[in-house]
Protein backbone atom coordinates (compact mmCIF):
# COMPACT_ATOMS: atom_id res chain seq x y z
CA MET A 1 -43.00 -3.72 13.35
CA LEU A 2 -41.15 -0.64 11.84
CA GLU A 3 -37.77 -2.21 10.37
CA LEU A 4 -35.31 0.43 11.47
CA ASP A 5 -32.39 1.51 9.21
CA ALA A 6 -29.77 4.22 9.28
CA ASP A 7 -32.46 6.57 7.43
CA ASN A 8 -35.09 6.42 9.37
CA ALA A 9 -33.79 5.84 12.98
CA ALA A 10 -33.53 9.50 13.93
CA GLU A 11 -36.97 10.16 13.42
CA TYR A 12 -37.81 6.92 15.24
CA LEU A 13 -35.92 7.97 18.32
CA ARG A 14 -37.35 11.65 17.95
CA THR A 15 -40.89 10.52 17.89
CA SER A 16 -40.63 8.03 20.63
CA ASN A 17 -39.09 10.76 22.83
CA ALA A 18 -35.85 8.65 23.11
CA ILE A 19 -33.80 12.03 22.14
CA ALA A 20 -35.04 15.67 21.92
CA LYS A 21 -36.09 16.80 18.62
CA ASP A 22 -33.70 19.55 18.29
CA VAL A 23 -30.61 17.67 18.86
CA PRO A 24 -28.37 16.84 16.10
CA VAL A 25 -27.78 13.09 15.66
CA GLU A 26 -25.81 10.85 13.28
CA ILE A 27 -26.83 7.20 12.53
CA THR A 28 -24.25 4.99 11.17
CA ARG A 29 -25.02 1.24 10.60
CA LEU A 30 -22.36 -1.09 12.37
CA THR A 31 -21.65 -4.06 10.14
CA GLY A 32 -20.14 -7.66 10.95
CA GLY A 33 -23.21 -9.43 12.52
CA VAL A 34 -25.71 -11.35 10.40
CA SER A 35 -28.91 -11.54 12.56
CA ASN A 36 -29.72 -8.06 13.60
CA GLU A 37 -30.07 -4.34 12.39
CA VAL A 38 -27.37 -2.46 14.74
CA LEU A 39 -27.19 1.34 14.50
CA TYR A 40 -24.66 3.45 16.21
CA VAL A 41 -26.19 6.78 17.36
CA GLU A 42 -23.75 9.50 17.44
CA PHE A 43 -24.33 13.10 18.99
CA PRO A 44 -21.84 15.20 17.14
CA ARG A 45 -22.23 18.10 19.46
CA HIS A 46 -21.90 15.73 22.53
CA GLN A 47 -25.23 16.69 24.09
CA GLN A 48 -25.67 13.39 25.54
CA PRO A 49 -23.58 9.91 25.37
CA ASP A 50 -23.58 8.13 22.14
CA PHE A 51 -25.47 4.77 22.22
CA VAL A 52 -26.47 1.80 20.01
CA LEU A 53 -29.95 0.79 18.80
CA LYS A 54 -30.70 -2.83 17.94
CA GLN A 55 -33.32 -4.42 16.23
CA ALA A 56 -33.88 -8.34 15.42
CA ARG A 57 -34.42 -9.68 12.12
CA GLU A 58 -36.24 -12.45 11.31
CA ARG A 59 -34.17 -13.47 8.26
CA LEU A 60 -30.54 -13.59 8.92
CA ARG A 61 -28.20 -12.07 6.59
CA VAL A 62 -26.03 -15.26 5.16
CA PRO A 63 -26.69 -17.13 1.54
CA GLU A 64 -28.16 -20.07 2.87
CA ALA A 65 -31.74 -19.75 3.92
CA TRP A 66 -31.90 -18.94 8.12
CA HIS A 67 -34.74 -17.52 9.82
CA CYS A 68 -34.99 -16.99 13.43
CA SER A 69 -38.15 -15.43 15.69
CA VAL A 70 -37.58 -11.60 16.48
CA THR A 71 -38.56 -12.14 19.96
CA ARG A 72 -35.10 -13.43 20.57
CA ILE A 73 -34.28 -9.66 20.97
CA TRP A 74 -35.77 -10.14 24.57
CA ARG A 75 -33.79 -12.92 25.58
CA GLU A 76 -30.91 -10.88 24.86
CA VAL A 77 -31.96 -8.30 27.12
CA ASP A 78 -32.59 -10.88 29.83
CA VAL A 79 -28.90 -12.28 29.44
CA LEU A 80 -27.61 -8.75 29.27
CA ARG A 81 -28.97 -8.07 32.63
CA ILE A 82 -27.74 -11.46 34.34
CA CYS A 83 -24.46 -10.92 32.58
CA GLU A 84 -23.80 -7.10 34.15
CA SER A 85 -25.11 -8.75 37.53
CA LEU A 86 -22.59 -11.63 37.38
CA LEU A 87 -19.72 -9.60 36.37
CA GLY A 88 -20.28 -7.03 39.19
CA ASP A 89 -19.01 -3.75 39.57
CA PRO A 90 -16.60 -2.75 36.53
CA ASN A 91 -14.26 -0.90 38.93
CA THR A 92 -13.59 -4.24 40.83
CA ALA A 93 -13.91 -6.94 37.96
CA ALA A 94 -11.40 -9.33 37.37
CA THR A 95 -8.63 -7.88 35.12
CA GLY A 96 -5.72 -9.29 33.03
CA ALA A 97 -2.28 -7.69 32.93
CA ASP A 98 0.27 -9.72 31.04
CA ASP A 99 1.42 -5.91 29.78
CA GLU A 100 0.50 -4.47 33.45
CA ARG A 101 -2.56 -2.72 32.08
CA THR A 102 -5.78 -2.95 34.23
CA ARG A 103 -8.77 -4.19 31.88
CA THR A 104 -12.20 -3.33 32.92
CA LEU A 105 -14.54 -6.25 32.10
CA ARG A 106 -18.16 -5.13 31.46
CA THR A 107 -21.25 -5.23 29.54
CA PRO A 108 -23.56 -2.35 28.03
CA ARG A 109 -26.05 -0.53 30.09
CA LEU A 110 -29.70 -1.19 28.85
CA LEU A 111 -31.19 2.21 28.27
CA PHE A 112 -34.56 1.54 27.00
CA GLU A 113 -36.41 -1.19 25.14
CA ASP A 114 -39.30 -1.14 22.71
CA ARG A 115 -41.55 -4.16 23.02
CA ASP A 116 -43.65 -3.01 19.65
CA ASN A 117 -40.94 -2.77 17.42
CA TYR A 118 -38.65 -5.61 18.95
CA CYS A 119 -35.64 -2.94 19.55
CA PHE A 120 -33.74 -1.88 22.55
CA ALA A 121 -30.80 0.71 22.86
CA MET A 122 -27.78 0.22 25.14
CA SER A 123 -24.58 2.17 25.97
CA ALA A 124 -21.53 2.22 23.58
CA ALA A 125 -18.28 1.29 23.86
CA PRO A 126 -15.80 4.38 24.00
CA ARG A 127 -15.48 5.80 20.53
CA GLU A 128 -11.69 4.80 20.29
CA HIS A 129 -12.41 1.26 20.71
CA VAL A 130 -11.38 -1.65 18.28
CA VAL A 131 -13.10 -4.72 17.66
CA TRP A 132 -10.77 -7.73 18.66
CA LYS A 133 -11.32 -9.36 15.42
CA ARG A 134 -9.86 -6.85 13.33
CA ASP A 135 -6.98 -6.63 15.53
CA LEU A 136 -6.23 -10.29 15.31
CA LEU A 137 -6.56 -10.32 11.40
CA ARG A 138 -4.17 -7.70 11.51
CA GLY A 139 -1.40 -9.40 13.33
CA LYS A 140 -1.84 -7.49 16.58
CA VAL A 141 -1.79 -9.97 19.59
CA ASP A 142 -2.14 -9.04 23.15
CA PRO A 143 -2.15 -11.98 25.76
CA SER A 144 -3.75 -9.53 28.25
CA ILE A 145 -7.11 -9.75 26.24
CA ALA A 146 -7.01 -13.32 26.17
CA THR A 147 -6.43 -13.37 29.81
CA ALA A 148 -9.27 -11.08 30.32
CA CYS A 149 -11.20 -13.24 28.08
CA GLY A 150 -10.56 -16.30 30.56
CA ARG A 151 -11.56 -14.42 33.42
CA MET A 152 -14.72 -13.08 31.84
CA LEU A 153 -16.02 -16.25 30.91
CA GLY A 154 -14.98 -18.02 33.94
CA GLN A 155 -16.88 -15.26 36.42
CA LEU A 156 -19.69 -15.95 33.86
CA HIS A 157 -19.77 -19.74 34.19
CA SER A 158 -18.85 -20.09 37.98
CA GLY A 159 -21.31 -17.57 39.08
CA SER A 160 -24.14 -19.11 37.64
CA TRP A 161 -22.90 -22.85 38.01
CA ASN A 162 -26.18 -24.67 39.07
CA ASP A 163 -28.09 -21.49 39.89
CA PRO A 164 -31.81 -22.44 39.83
CA ALA A 165 -33.21 -18.79 39.37
CA ILE A 166 -30.89 -18.39 36.45
CA GLU A 167 -31.59 -21.75 34.84
CA ALA A 168 -35.60 -21.04 35.29
CA GLN A 169 -35.06 -17.72 33.46
CA LEU A 170 -33.21 -19.05 30.71
CA ALA A 171 -34.34 -22.71 30.49
CA ASP A 172 -35.57 -22.19 26.79
CA ARG A 173 -32.93 -23.32 24.58
CA THR A 174 -35.12 -22.60 21.20
CA ILE A 175 -32.93 -19.80 20.22
CA PHE A 176 -29.79 -21.42 20.78
CA ASP A 177 -30.66 -24.38 18.81
CA ALA A 178 -32.01 -22.01 15.83
CA LEU A 179 -28.81 -20.01 15.78
CA ARG A 180 -26.27 -22.39 16.89
CA LEU A 181 -26.78 -26.04 16.89
CA ASP A 182 -28.75 -26.24 13.85
CA PRO A 183 -26.93 -23.89 11.41
CA TYR A 184 -23.61 -25.12 12.69
CA PHE A 185 -23.37 -28.80 13.66
CA ARG A 186 -26.69 -30.42 11.84
CA PHE A 187 -25.97 -28.41 8.83
CA THR A 188 -22.55 -29.36 8.47
CA ALA A 189 -23.42 -32.95 9.32
CA ALA A 190 -25.83 -32.86 6.35
CA ARG A 191 -23.23 -31.37 4.14
CA CYS A 192 -20.26 -33.74 5.32
CA PRO A 193 -22.23 -37.00 5.78
CA ASP A 194 -18.79 -39.08 6.47
CA VAL A 195 -18.69 -37.21 9.83
CA ALA A 196 -21.92 -36.73 10.45
CA HIS A 197 -21.73 -38.87 13.50
CA HIS A 198 -19.42 -36.83 15.16
CA PHE A 199 -21.70 -33.63 14.90
CA GLN A 200 -24.66 -35.65 15.94
CA ARG A 201 -22.88 -36.66 18.98
CA LEU A 202 -21.89 -33.21 19.58
CA VAL A 203 -25.36 -32.07 19.44
CA SER A 204 -26.51 -34.82 22.08
CA ASP A 205 -23.72 -33.89 24.30
CA THR A 206 -24.18 -30.27 24.26
CA TRP A 207 -27.85 -30.85 24.86
CA GLN A 208 -27.41 -33.03 27.64
CA HIS A 209 -25.59 -31.10 29.87
CA ARG A 210 -26.85 -28.03 31.72
CA HIS A 211 -24.68 -26.38 34.31
CA ALA A 212 -24.32 -22.94 33.92
CA LEU A 213 -24.98 -19.55 31.89
CA VAL A 214 -23.86 -20.03 28.41
CA HIS A 215 -23.48 -16.72 26.22
CA ALA A 216 -22.89 -18.85 23.24
CA ASP A 217 -21.49 -16.22 20.96
CA PHE A 218 -18.39 -15.38 22.78
CA SER A 219 -15.93 -14.45 20.03
CA PRO A 220 -13.58 -11.87 19.00
CA LYS A 221 -16.01 -10.00 16.81
CA ASN A 222 -18.18 -9.41 20.11
CA LEU A 223 -15.45 -8.11 22.23
CA LEU A 224 -14.56 -4.29 21.88
CA VAL A 225 -11.16 -3.42 23.10
CA TYR A 226 -10.58 0.16 24.18
CA ASP A 227 -7.63 1.59 26.48
CA GLY A 228 -7.86 -0.41 29.75
CA GLY A 229 -11.05 -2.12 28.99
CA LEU A 230 -13.33 -4.74 27.50
CA LEU A 231 -16.82 -4.72 26.51
CA MET A 232 -18.54 -7.85 25.62
CA VAL A 233 -21.64 -7.44 23.14
CA ASP A 234 -24.28 -9.76 21.52
CA PHE A 235 -26.49 -11.97 24.16
CA GLU A 236 -29.24 -13.30 22.05
CA THR A 237 -27.92 -16.89 21.86
CA GLY A 238 -27.46 -16.82 25.72
CA HIS A 239 -29.01 -19.85 27.83
CA PHE A 240 -28.80 -21.93 30.43
CA GLY A 241 -26.83 -25.24 29.50
CA ASP A 242 -23.16 -26.77 28.43
CA PRO A 243 -20.47 -24.11 29.43
CA ALA A 244 -18.09 -26.41 27.23
CA PHE A 245 -19.89 -24.63 24.16
CA ASP A 246 -18.43 -21.35 25.08
CA ILE A 247 -15.08 -22.78 25.76
CA GLY A 248 -15.11 -24.38 22.51
CA PHE A 249 -16.73 -21.63 20.51
CA PHE A 250 -14.21 -18.84 21.48
CA LEU A 251 -11.09 -21.34 20.88
CA SER A 252 -12.21 -22.35 17.49
CA HIS A 253 -12.04 -18.44 16.28
CA LEU A 254 -8.66 -18.25 17.72
CA LEU A 255 -7.67 -21.69 15.80
CA LEU A 256 -9.08 -20.44 12.57
CA LYS A 257 -7.07 -17.14 12.95
CA ALA A 258 -3.93 -18.93 13.43
CA PHE A 259 -4.43 -21.15 10.63
CA ASN A 260 -4.77 -17.72 8.78
CA ALA A 261 -1.76 -16.41 10.31
CA ALA A 262 0.15 -19.31 9.26
CA PRO A 263 3.39 -19.64 9.56
CA ARG A 264 3.26 -16.72 12.29
CA TYR A 265 0.79 -18.87 14.14
CA GLU A 266 2.63 -19.11 17.52
CA SER A 267 1.42 -15.94 19.21
CA ILE A 268 -2.11 -17.06 18.51
CA LEU A 269 -1.69 -20.39 20.17
CA GLU A 270 -0.14 -18.36 23.12
CA LEU A 271 -3.41 -16.47 23.45
CA MET A 272 -5.40 -19.87 23.89
CA SER A 273 -2.90 -20.97 26.57
CA ALA A 274 -3.43 -17.49 28.38
CA PHE A 275 -7.38 -17.99 27.97
CA TRP A 276 -7.00 -21.48 29.62
CA GLU A 277 -4.51 -20.20 32.38
CA SER A 278 -7.10 -17.78 33.76
CA TYR A 279 -10.11 -19.77 33.15
CA ALA A 280 -9.14 -22.73 34.86
CA PRO A 281 -8.57 -21.27 38.50
CA ILE A 282 -12.14 -19.60 38.45
CA LEU A 283 -13.71 -22.77 37.52
CA LEU A 284 -11.88 -24.97 39.88
CA ASN A 285 -12.82 -22.66 42.62
CA ARG A 286 -16.53 -23.75 41.86
CA VAL A 287 -16.49 -26.97 40.66
CA ASP A 288 -14.49 -30.60 41.48
CA GLU A 289 -11.49 -31.76 39.45
CA ALA A 290 -13.44 -34.60 37.96
CA THR A 291 -16.34 -32.26 36.93
CA TYR A 292 -13.68 -29.54 35.37
CA ARG A 293 -11.73 -32.44 33.38
CA GLU A 294 -15.15 -33.56 31.62
CA LEU A 295 -15.79 -29.89 30.79
CA VAL A 296 -12.48 -29.18 29.35
CA ILE A 297 -13.05 -32.63 27.25
CA ARG A 298 -16.48 -31.36 25.96
CA GLY A 299 -14.75 -28.21 25.39
CA ILE A 300 -12.11 -29.37 22.85
CA GLN A 301 -15.22 -31.53 21.19
CA CYS A 302 -16.65 -28.12 20.75
CA LEU A 303 -13.71 -26.46 19.38
CA ALA A 304 -13.61 -29.22 16.86
CA GLY A 305 -17.13 -28.77 15.82
CA CYS A 306 -17.49 -24.91 15.63
CA ALA A 307 -13.97 -24.94 13.83
CA TRP A 308 -15.37 -27.33 10.92
CA ALA A 309 -18.75 -25.61 10.93
CA ARG A 310 -17.21 -22.44 10.28
CA LEU A 311 -15.84 -23.71 7.10
CA ASP A 312 -19.09 -25.65 5.88
CA GLY A 313 -21.82 -24.52 8.01
CA LYS A 314 -24.46 -21.83 7.26
CA SER A 315 -22.14 -18.96 8.82
CA GLY A 316 -19.01 -19.40 7.18
CA ILE A 317 -15.92 -17.20 8.19
CA ASP A 318 -14.63 -14.14 5.86
CA TYR A 319 -11.11 -15.30 5.81
CA LEU A 320 -8.78 -18.22 5.24
CA ASP A 321 -9.23 -18.55 1.58
CA ASN A 322 -6.33 -21.05 1.05
CA ALA A 323 -7.98 -24.21 0.13
CA GLU A 324 -5.07 -26.32 1.64
CA CYS A 325 -5.13 -24.63 5.22
CA ARG A 326 -8.72 -25.36 5.02
CA GLN A 327 -8.30 -29.09 4.49
CA ARG A 328 -5.76 -28.94 7.26
CA VAL A 329 -8.51 -27.36 9.67
CA ARG A 330 -10.75 -30.09 8.72
CA ALA A 331 -8.24 -32.67 9.18
CA LEU A 332 -7.40 -31.14 12.87
CA CYS A 333 -11.00 -31.09 13.63
CA LEU A 334 -11.26 -35.08 12.72
CA LEU A 335 -8.28 -36.09 14.57
CA LEU A 336 -9.85 -34.06 17.63
CA PHE A 337 -12.94 -35.80 17.23
CA VAL A 338 -11.51 -39.14 17.20
CA ASP A 339 -8.69 -39.02 19.57
CA ARG A 340 -10.75 -36.92 22.28
CA PRO A 341 -7.78 -35.32 23.89
CA PRO A 342 -8.20 -35.17 27.70
CA THR A 343 -6.31 -31.80 28.24
CA TRP A 344 -5.65 -28.56 26.39
CA PRO A 345 -1.80 -29.33 26.52
CA ILE A 346 -2.13 -32.29 24.53
CA ALA A 347 -4.92 -30.79 21.96
CA GLU A 348 -2.60 -27.85 21.78
CA THR A 349 0.09 -30.09 20.75
CA MET A 350 -2.20 -31.70 18.01
CA CYS A 351 -3.21 -27.88 16.55
CA ARG A 352 0.64 -26.92 16.55
CA ASP A 353 1.35 -30.30 14.52
CA ALA A 354 -1.35 -29.32 12.05
CA LEU A 355 -0.36 -25.58 11.81
CA THR A 356 3.10 -26.33 10.87
CA ARG A 357 1.75 -28.41 7.67
CA CYS A 358 -0.11 -25.32 6.69
């Protein structure tokens, strides 16, 4: 496999006939992820639309030893295609409009794939986009984005619920285990033996339930925001499993950013409520109330596990340096584990109580 980087990617693209030999191109390495080489291919003279070139890496860029087969890139391609199908025509996709803007929900368009070099190319977000994580860390909070996120995730979960064809295609959860369950839950259990049984139960529960397509990396760093639109990226951990993981994973990112923003956390909590308000109706059109209630309980448990794992697991967050606030997060997660709140309003109250002490 030719390992691509910003220095050799242009020559690779020309020799593979992905771009014309006489077309000027600029290659920039995109940062933020830990598992792939992601390169932005820009055409300064606008001869063709910019695109993104992505190649899997066997060793992930974290301090702890963390490896995963590069074949996961083909799972990403499969999940990308399924998500595109489930979200439908971007011109008629669900929208969120707390500020009366229409947000088109979409996925990148697959341009080509290179099986020999474990890479593929996809369409890029508009140049004026911003990574939602960056906005949140800067204190820029827009409820319409959280509303759109709830509807997007709701569409993916409800549209794939108990779908036998999607289940057969995405049945293998090896990559999900290697990139999520092991580095997040098992690693944290080993590092924090006093609470290991909570993480072990979480692994068991997550593995046991198989109901829908799970993106498993649905977070602000993988949501690109631009005027009127929202682009979801990074699909390599996708599988058919428990959608509660998506709920918990997404909300854990917002919760940690609320602690980071304390004492100005209330607007982040409002984002979490906006997510639920748009997600719930879509799921309840597909599943009965008892099934939905159980999903909410598991989602809150995954929130606790994912938030704690971002402090003590292999993939630590790059913010929230305050030691006291980090300990408040752990205390809240333990309380969520022990009390197992049955509804989001109860869990939200618990979160608010913890935030007021930070």
